[in-house]
Amino acid sequence: MEVAVFDTYVKKKEGGYLHFDIIVNKATSFEHVLKYGNTYLQSKKTEGLSLSHKNCRFCHITETIPRWEVQIKQQGYYIHELEGC
């Protein structure tokens, strides 16, 4: 399965950034990518933070790995936490 990787940076209120990738099936709409990112932010209890087209950008297409594929099939996306998460 080929997946699209979206590089995401969200500025935290206390300073610094949440940096994570949103990984989805390559046919997923950008609106869904933003929805998935906002769902992730809510799960992290980050009140007042939201995702928009300004802080989420398409990065590249790649082959999936088993860990991502399982979660993408279950919930539509996989979050790869990078910094500040």
PDB file of N, CA and C in Angstrom:
ATOM      1  N   MET A   1       0.842  -1.176   0.000  1.00  0.00           N
ATOM      2  CA  MET A   1       0.000   0.000   0.000  1.00  0.00           C
ATOM      3  C   MET A   1       0.891   1.245   0.000  1.00  0.00           C
ATOM      4  N   GLU A   2       0.580   2.184  -0.865  1.00  0.00           N
ATOM      5  CA  GLU A   2       1.292   3.453  -0.857  1.00  0.00           C
ATOM      6  C   GLU A   2       0.547   4.441   0.033  1.00  0.00           C
ATOM      7  N   VAL A   3       1.314   5.207   0.795  1.00  0.00           N
ATOM      8  CA  VAL A   3       0.733   6.173   1.720  1.00  0.00           C
ATOM      9  C   VAL A   3       1.319   7.560   1.456  1.00  0.00           C
ATOM     10  N   ALA A   4       0.549   8.568   1.844  1.00  0.00           N
ATOM     11  CA  ALA A   4       0.996   9.956   1.779  1.00  0.00           C
ATOM     12  C   ALA A   4       1.409  10.384   3.178  1.00  0.00           C
ATOM     13  N   VAL A   5       2.508  11.118   3.245  1.00  0.00           N
ATOM     14  CA  VAL A   5       3.029  11.612   4.518  1.00  0.00           C
ATOM     15  C   VAL A   5       2.876  13.133   4.525  1.00  0.00           C
ATOM     16  N   PHE A   6       2.238  13.646   5.576  1.00  0.00           N
ATOM     17  CA  PHE A   6       2.032  15.084   5.748  1.00  0.00           C
ATOM     18  C   PHE A   6       2.830  15.539   6.960  1.00  0.00           C
ATOM     19  N   ASP A   7       3.748  16.469   6.735  1.00  0.00           N
ATOM     20  CA  ASP A   7       4.603  17.011   7.781  1.00  0.00           C
ATOM     21  C   ASP A   7       3.837  18.122   8.502  1.00  0.00           C
ATOM     22  N   THR A   8       3.773  18.040   9.828  1.00  0.00           N
ATOM     23  CA  THR A   8       2.901  18.917  10.595  1.00  0.00           C
ATOM     24  C   THR A   8       3.639  19.538  11.779  1.00  0.00           C
ATOM     25  N   TYR A   9       3.489  20.854  11.915  1.00  0.00           N
ATOM     26  CA  TYR A   9       4.035  21.607  13.045  1.00  0.00           C
ATOM     27  C   TYR A   9       2.918  22.444  13.644  1.00  0.00           C
ATOM     28  N   VAL A  10       2.697  22.315  14.959  1.00  0.00           N
ATOM     29  CA  VAL A  10       1.694  23.124  15.640  1.00  0.00           C
ATOM     30  C   VAL A  10       2.372  23.807  16.822  1.00  0.00           C
ATOM     31  N   LYS A  11       2.290  25.144  16.849  1.00  0.00           N
ATOM     32  CA  LYS A  11       2.927  25.910  17.914  1.00  0.00           C
ATOM     33  C   LYS A  11       2.160  25.722  19.216  1.00  0.00           C
ATOM     34  N   LYS A  12       2.890  25.342  20.282  1.00  0.00           N
ATOM     35  CA  LYS A  12       2.281  25.155  21.595  1.00  0.00           C
ATOM     36  C   LYS A  12       2.153  26.497  22.305  1.00  0.00           C
ATOM     37  N   LYS A  13       1.140  26.633  23.163  1.00  0.00           N
ATOM     38  CA  LYS A  13       0.922  27.875  23.901  1.00  0.00           C
ATOM     39  C   LYS A  13       2.099  28.220  24.795  1.00  0.00           C
ATOM     40  N   GLU A  14       2.717  27.212  25.389  1.00  0.00           N
ATOM     41  CA  GLU A  14       3.832  27.435  26.308  1.00  0.00           C
ATOM     42  C   GLU A  14       5.174  27.556  25.587  1.00  0.00           C
ATOM     43  N   GLY A  15       5.140  27.566  24.289  1.00  0.00           N
ATOM     44  CA  GLY A  15       6.353  27.672  23.478  1.00  0.00           C
ATOM     45  C   GLY A  15       6.740  26.334  22.887  1.00  0.00           C
ATOM     46  N   GLY A  16       7.518  26.376  21.855  1.00  0.00           N
ATOM     47  CA  GLY A  16       7.928  25.161  21.164  1.00  0.00           C
ATOM     48  C   GLY A  16       6.839  24.682  20.215  1.00  0.00           C
ATOM     49  N   TYR A  17       7.087  23.526  19.646  1.00  0.00           N
ATOM     50  CA  TYR A  17       6.168  22.971  18.658  1.00  0.00           C
ATOM     51  C   TYR A  17       5.879  21.503  18.920  1.00  0.00           C
ATOM     52  N   LEU A  18       4.690  21.094  18.492  1.00  0.00           N
ATOM     53  CA  LEU A  18       4.385  19.677  18.316  1.00  0.00           C
ATOM     54  C   LEU A  18       4.729  19.394  16.857  1.00  0.00           C
ATOM     55  N   HIS A  19       5.606  18.462  16.622  1.00  0.00           N
ATOM     56  CA  HIS A  19       6.001  18.101  15.256  1.00  0.00           C
ATOM     57  C   HIS A  19       5.670  16.633  15.076  1.00  0.00           C
ATOM     58  N   PHE A  20       4.802  16.348  14.118  1.00  0.00           N
ATOM     59  CA  PHE A  20       4.399  14.969  13.859  1.00  0.00           C
ATOM     60  C   PHE A  20       4.030  14.815  12.395  1.00  0.00           C
ATOM     61  N   ASP A  21       4.067  13.577  11.933  1.00  0.00           N
ATOM     62  CA  ASP A  21       3.626  13.256  10.583  1.00  0.00           C
ATOM     63  C   ASP A  21       2.262  12.588  10.657  1.00  0.00           C
ATOM     64  N   ILE A  22       1.402  12.955   9.725  1.00  0.00           N
ATOM     65  CA  ILE A  22       0.117  12.282   9.558  1.00  0.00           C
ATOM     66  C   ILE A  22       0.278  11.411   8.316  1.00  0.00           C
ATOM     67  N   ILE A  23       0.095  10.113   8.491  1.00  0.00           N
ATOM     68  CA  ILE A  23       0.308   9.162   7.397  1.00  0.00           C
ATOM     69  C   ILE A  23      -1.034   8.528   7.041  1.00  0.00           C
ATOM     70  N   VAL A  24      -1.415   8.648   5.783  1.00  0.00           N
ATOM     71  CA  VAL A  24      -2.725   8.192   5.316  1.00  0.00           C
ATOM     72  C   VAL A  24      -2.597   7.483   3.975  1.00  0.00           C
ATOM     73  N   ASN A  25      -3.634   6.744   3.602  1.00  0.00           N
ATOM     74  CA  ASN A  25      -3.704   6.180   2.267  1.00  0.00           C
ATOM     75  C   ASN A  25      -3.555   7.323   1.273  1.00  0.00           C
ATOM     76  N   LYS A  26      -2.842   7.108   0.201  1.00  0.00           N
ATOM     77  CA  LYS A  26      -2.543   8.209  -0.723  1.00  0.00           C
ATOM     78  C   LYS A  26      -3.785   8.812  -1.373  1.00  0.00           C
ATOM     79  N   ALA A  27      -4.918   8.126  -1.332  1.00  0.00           N
ATOM     80  CA  ALA A  27      -6.152   8.651  -1.922  1.00  0.00           C
ATOM     81  C   ALA A  27      -6.959   9.510  -0.940  1.00  0.00           C
ATOM     82  N   THR A  28      -6.489   9.665   0.274  1.00  0.00           N
ATOM     83  CA  THR A  28      -7.211  10.414   1.306  1.00  0.00           C
ATOM     84  C   THR A  28      -7.226  11.905   0.976  1.00  0.00           C
ATOM     85  N   SER A  29      -8.378  12.537   1.155  1.00  0.00           N
ATOM     86  CA  SER A  29      -8.494  13.974   0.883  1.00  0.00           C
ATOM     87  C   SER A  29      -7.767  14.784   1.960  1.00  0.00           C
ATOM     88  N   PHE A  30      -7.341  15.984   1.585  1.00  0.00           N
ATOM     89  CA  PHE A  30      -6.644  16.849   2.538  1.00  0.00           C
ATOM     90  C   PHE A  30      -7.564  17.242   3.700  1.00  0.00           C
ATOM     91  N   GLU A  31      -8.854  17.393   3.443  1.00  0.00           N
ATOM     92  CA  GLU A  31      -9.808  17.704   4.510  1.00  0.00           C
ATOM     93  C   GLU A  31      -9.800  16.617   5.580  1.00  0.00           C
ATOM     94  N   HIS A  32      -9.708  15.364   5.157  1.00  0.00           N
ATOM     95  CA  HIS A  32      -9.638  14.257   6.110  1.00  0.00           C
ATOM     96  C   HIS A  32      -8.313  14.266   6.875  1.00  0.00           C
ATOM     97  N   VAL A  33      -7.240  14.617   6.195  1.00  0.00           N
ATOM     98  CA  VAL A  33      -5.931  14.710   6.860  1.00  0.00           C
ATOM     99  C   VAL A  33      -6.015  15.721   8.002  1.00  0.00           C
ATOM    100  N   LEU A  34      -6.607  16.898   7.725  1.00  0.00           N
ATOM    101  CA  LEU A  34      -6.758  17.917   8.772  1.00  0.00           C
ATOM    102  C   LEU A  34      -7.641  17.418   9.910  1.00  0.00           C
ATOM    103  N   LYS A  35      -8.707  16.718   9.571  1.00  0.00           N
ATOM    104  CA  LYS A  35      -9.599  16.155  10.598  1.00  0.00           C
ATOM    105  C   LYS A  35      -8.828  15.169  11.479  1.00  0.00           C
ATOM    106  N   TYR A  36      -8.052  14.300  10.866  1.00  0.00           N
ATOM    107  CA  TYR A  36      -7.266  13.327  11.630  1.00  0.00           C
ATOM    108  C   TYR A  36      -6.253  14.030  12.531  1.00  0.00           C
ATOM    109  N   GLY A  37      -5.618  15.071  12.018  1.00  0.00           N
ATOM    110  CA  GLY A  37      -4.662  15.824  12.823  1.00  0.00           C
ATOM    111  C   GLY A  37      -5.323  16.487  14.019  1.00  0.00           C
ATOM    112  N   ASN A  38      -6.498  17.047  13.815  1.00  0.00           N
ATOM    113  CA  ASN A  38      -7.219  17.673  14.922  1.00  0.00           C
ATOM    114  C   ASN A  38      -7.701  16.646  15.939  1.00  0.00           C
ATOM    115  N   THR A  39      -8.075  15.474  15.480  1.00  0.00           N
ATOM    116  CA  THR A  39      -8.436  14.392  16.397  1.00  0.00           C
ATOM    117  C   THR A  39      -7.241  14.024  17.263  1.00  0.00           C
ATOM    118  N   TYR A  40      -6.075  13.946  16.651  1.00  0.00           N
ATOM    119  CA  TYR A  40      -4.849  13.653  17.394  1.00  0.00           C
ATOM    120  C   TYR A  40      -4.573  14.746  18.427  1.00  0.00           C
ATOM    121  N   LEU A  41      -4.687  16.015  18.025  1.00  0.00           N
ATOM    122  CA  LEU A  41      -4.435  17.107  18.962  1.00  0.00           C
ATOM    123  C   LEU A  41      -5.389  17.049  20.151  1.00  0.00           C
ATOM    124  N   GLN A  42      -6.652  16.721  19.904  1.00  0.00           N
ATOM    125  CA  GLN A  42      -7.621  16.586  21.002  1.00  0.00           C
ATOM    126  C   GLN A  42      -7.223  15.458  21.941  1.00  0.00           C
ATOM    127  N   SER A  43      -6.681  14.381  21.399  1.00  0.00           N
ATOM    128  CA  SER A  43      -6.276  13.245  22.229  1.00  0.00           C
ATOM    129  C   SER A  43      -5.089  13.598  23.117  1.00  0.00           C
ATOM    130  N   LYS A  44      -4.318  14.603  22.712  1.00  0.00           N
ATOM    131  CA  LYS A  44      -3.149  15.044  23.482  1.00  0.00           C
ATOM    132  C   LYS A  44      -3.524  16.119  24.505  1.00  0.00           C
ATOM    133  N   LYS A  45      -4.819  16.429  24.612  1.00  0.00           N
ATOM    134  CA  LYS A  45      -5.326  17.429  25.558  1.00  0.00           C
ATOM    135  C   LYS A  45      -4.690  18.803  25.319  1.00  0.00           C
ATOM    136  N   THR A  46      -4.618  19.205  24.069  1.00  0.00           N
ATOM    137  CA  THR A  46      -4.027  20.487  23.694  1.00  0.00           C
ATOM    138  C   THR A  46      -5.142  21.480  23.402  1.00  0.00           C
ATOM    139  N   GLU A  47      -5.771  21.992  24.442  1.00  0.00           N
ATOM    140  CA  GLU A  47      -6.898  22.912  24.275  1.00  0.00           C
ATOM    141  C   GLU A  47      -6.498  24.146  23.480  1.00  0.00           C
ATOM    142  N   GLY A  48      -7.350  24.509  22.564  1.00  0.00           N
ATOM    143  CA  GLY A  48      -7.132  25.714  21.776  1.00  0.00           C
ATOM    144  C   GLY A  48      -6.218  25.548  20.587  1.00  0.00           C
ATOM    145  N   LEU A  49      -5.562  24.416  20.445  1.00  0.00           N
ATOM    146  CA  LEU A  49      -4.692  24.199  19.282  1.00  0.00           C
ATOM    147  C   LEU A  49      -5.484  23.513  18.189  1.00  0.00           C
ATOM    148  N   SER A  50      -5.267  23.942  16.977  1.00  0.00           N
ATOM    149  CA  SER A  50      -5.922  23.282  15.849  1.00  0.00           C
ATOM    150  C   SER A  50      -4.993  23.274  14.649  1.00  0.00           C
ATOM    151  N   LEU A  51      -5.345  22.453  13.728  1.00  0.00           N
ATOM    152  CA  LEU A  51      -4.538  22.236  12.534  1.00  0.00           C
ATOM    153  C   LEU A  51      -5.204  22.935  11.355  1.00  0.00           C
ATOM    154  N   SER A  52      -4.403  23.549  10.506  1.00  0.00           N
ATOM    155  CA  SER A  52      -4.929  24.169   9.293  1.00  0.00           C
ATOM    156  C   SER A  52      -3.960  23.894   8.146  1.00  0.00           C
ATOM    157  N   HIS A  53      -4.320  24.361   6.972  1.00  0.00           N
ATOM    158  CA  HIS A  53      -3.449  24.171   5.812  1.00  0.00           C
ATOM    159  C   HIS A  53      -2.113  24.897   5.982  1.00  0.00           C
ATOM    160  N   LYS A  54      -2.034  25.841   6.916  1.00  0.00           N
ATOM    161  CA  LYS A  54      -0.798  26.593   7.136  1.00  0.00           C
ATOM    162  C   LYS A  54       0.270  25.787   7.864  1.00  0.00           C
ATOM    163  N   ASN A  55      -0.144  24.818   8.687  1.00  0.00           N
ATOM    164  CA  ASN A  55       0.846  24.078   9.475  1.00  0.00           C
ATOM    165  C   ASN A  55       0.869  22.586   9.173  1.00  0.00           C
ATOM    166  N   CYS A  56       0.268  22.195   8.066  1.00  0.00           N
ATOM    167  CA  CYS A  56       0.260  20.792   7.646  1.00  0.00           C
ATOM    168  C   CYS A  56       0.487  20.763   6.138  1.00  0.00           C
ATOM    169  N   ARG A  57       1.579  20.141   5.730  1.00  0.00           N
ATOM    170  CA  ARG A  57       1.937  20.130   4.311  1.00  0.00           C
ATOM    171  C   ARG A  57       2.259  18.714   3.823  1.00  0.00           C
ATOM    172  N   PHE A  58       1.819  18.447   2.601  1.00  0.00           N
ATOM    173  CA  PHE A  58       2.181  17.184   1.970  1.00  0.00           C
ATOM    174  C   PHE A  58       3.696  17.109   1.869  1.00  0.00           C
ATOM    175  N   CYS A  59       4.251  15.950   2.208  1.00  0.00           N
ATOM    176  CA  CYS A  59       5.703  15.768   2.161  1.00  0.00           C
ATOM    177  C   CYS A  59       6.095  14.818   1.028  1.00  0.00           C
ATOM    178  N   HIS A  60       5.584  13.581   1.067  1.00  0.00           N
ATOM    179  CA  HIS A  60       5.949  12.619   0.032  1.00  0.00           C
ATOM    180  C   HIS A  60       5.049  11.386   0.085  1.00  0.00           C
ATOM    181  N   ILE A  61       5.171  10.552  -0.945  1.00  0.00           N
ATOM    182  CA  ILE A  61       4.492   9.250  -1.026  1.00  0.00           C
ATOM    183  C   ILE A  61       5.546   8.188  -0.747  1.00  0.00           C
ATOM    184  N   THR A  62       5.175   7.173   0.028  1.00  0.00           N
ATOM    185  CA  THR A  62       6.099   6.080   0.323  1.00  0.00           C
ATOM    186  C   THR A  62       5.316   4.786   0.491  1.00  0.00           C
ATOM    187  N   GLU A  63       6.028   3.697   0.517  1.00  0.00           N
ATOM    188  CA  GLU A  63       5.414   2.408   0.830  1.00  0.00           C
ATOM    189  C   GLU A  63       5.171   2.348   2.337  1.00  0.00           C
ATOM    190  N   THR A  64       4.082   1.747   2.704  1.00  0.00           N
ATOM    191  CA  THR A  64       3.747   1.631   4.121  1.00  0.00           C
ATOM    192  C   THR A  64       4.601   0.563   4.796  1.00  0.00           C
ATOM    193  N   ILE A  65       4.643   0.632   6.110  1.00  0.00           N
ATOM    194  CA  ILE A  65       5.261  -0.428   6.907  1.00  0.00           C
ATOM    195  C   ILE A  65       4.145  -1.071   7.726  1.00  0.00           C
ATOM    196  N   PRO A  66       4.318  -2.322   8.159  1.00  0.00           N
ATOM    197  CA  PRO A  66       3.230  -3.036   8.830  1.00  0.00           C
ATOM    198  C   PRO A  66       2.600  -2.282  10.003  1.00  0.00           C
ATOM    199  N   ARG A  67       3.397  -1.621  10.825  1.00  0.00           N
ATOM    200  CA  ARG A  67       2.872  -0.897  11.987  1.00  0.00           C
ATOM    201  C   ARG A  67       1.902   0.204  11.553  1.00  0.00           C
ATOM    202  N   TRP A  68       2.230   0.918  10.486  1.00  0.00           N
ATOM    203  CA  TRP A  68       1.353   1.976   9.993  1.00  0.00           C
ATOM    204  C   TRP A  68       0.101   1.379   9.365  1.00  0.00           C
ATOM    205  N   GLU A  69       0.304   0.329   8.574  1.00  0.00           N
ATOM    206  CA  GLU A  69      -0.796  -0.233   7.798  1.00  0.00           C
ATOM    207  C   GLU A  69      -1.932  -0.724   8.673  1.00  0.00           C
ATOM    208  N   VAL A  70      -1.603  -1.370   9.780  1.00  0.00           N
ATOM    209  CA  VAL A  70      -2.632  -1.877  10.693  1.00  0.00           C
ATOM    210  C   VAL A  70      -3.499  -0.733  11.195  1.00  0.00           C
ATOM    211  N   GLN A  71      -2.862   0.332  11.666  1.00  0.00           N
ATOM    212  CA  GLN A  71      -3.623   1.454  12.209  1.00  0.00           C
ATOM    213  C   GLN A  71      -4.375   2.225  11.122  1.00  0.00           C
ATOM    214  N   ILE A  72      -3.780   2.362   9.947  1.00  0.00           N
ATOM    215  CA  ILE A  72      -4.465   3.042   8.847  1.00  0.00           C
ATOM    216  C   ILE A  72      -5.725   2.273   8.461  1.00  0.00           C
ATOM    217  N   LYS A  73      -5.658   0.956   8.431  1.00  0.00           N
ATOM    218  CA  LYS A  73      -6.834   0.150   8.104  1.00  0.00           C
ATOM    219  C   LYS A  73      -7.898   0.251   9.185  1.00  0.00           C
ATOM    220  N   GLN A  74      -7.477   0.407  10.454  1.00  0.00           N
ATOM    221  CA  GLN A  74      -8.431   0.494  11.566  1.00  0.00           C
ATOM    222  C   GLN A  74      -9.078   1.866  11.688  1.00  0.00           C
ATOM    223  N   GLN A  75      -8.280   2.942  11.601  1.00  0.00           N
ATOM    224  CA  GLN A  75      -8.832   4.270  11.862  1.00  0.00           C
ATOM    225  C   GLN A  75      -8.625   5.287  10.751  1.00  0.00           C
ATOM    226  N   GLY A  76      -7.953   4.889   9.678  1.00  0.00           N
ATOM    227  CA  GLY A  76      -7.795   5.778   8.538  1.00  0.00           C
ATOM    228  C   GLY A  76      -6.488   6.553   8.497  1.00  0.00           C
ATOM    229  N   TYR A  77      -5.732   6.534   9.596  1.00  0.00           N
ATOM    230  CA  TYR A  77      -4.489   7.303   9.641  1.00  0.00           C
ATOM    231  C   TYR A  77      -3.545   6.740  10.692  1.00  0.00           C
ATOM    232  N   TYR A  78      -2.290   7.160  10.597  1.00  0.00           N
ATOM    233  CA  TYR A  78      -1.277   6.837  11.595  1.00  0.00           C
ATOM    234  C   TYR A  78      -0.534   8.134  11.902  1.00  0.00           C
ATOM    235  N   ILE A  79      -0.283   8.390  13.178  1.00  0.00           N
ATOM    236  CA  ILE A  79       0.487   9.561  13.594  1.00  0.00           C
ATOM    237  C   ILE A  79       1.870   9.104  14.004  1.00  0.00           C
ATOM    238  N   HIS A  80       2.876   9.681  13.367  1.00  0.00           N
ATOM    239  CA  HIS A  80       4.273   9.414  13.727  1.00  0.00           C
ATOM    240  C   HIS A  80       4.777  10.641  14.489  1.00  0.00           C
ATOM    241  N   GLU A  81       4.906  10.498  15.812  1.00  0.00           N
ATOM    242  CA  GLU A  81       5.338  11.606  16.659  1.00  0.00           C
ATOM    243  C   GLU A  81       6.832  11.846  16.486  1.00  0.00           C
ATOM    244  N   LEU A  82       7.217  13.116  16.332  1.00  0.00           N
ATOM    245  CA  LEU A  82       8.609  13.455  16.101  1.00  0.00           C
ATOM    246  C   LEU A  82       9.199  14.299  17.233  1.00  0.00           C
ATOM    247  N   GLU A  83       8.674  15.498  17.478  1.00  0.00           N
ATOM    248  CA  GLU A  83       9.218  16.380  18.503  1.00  0.00           C
ATOM    249  C   GLU A  83       8.113  17.022  19.310  1.00  0.00           C
ATOM    250  N   GLY A  84       8.317  17.157  20.616  1.00  0.00           N
ATOM    251  CA  GLY A  84       7.401  17.904  21.466  1.00  0.00           C
ATOM    252  C   GLY A  84       6.073  17.237  21.725  1.00  0.00           C
ATOM    253  N   CYS A  85       5.925  16.001  21.320  1.00  0.00           N
ATOM    254  CA  CYS A  85       4.639  15.317  21.475  1.00  0.00           C
ATOM    255  C   CYS A  85       4.579  14.595  22.801  1.00  0.00           C
TER     256      CYS A  85
END
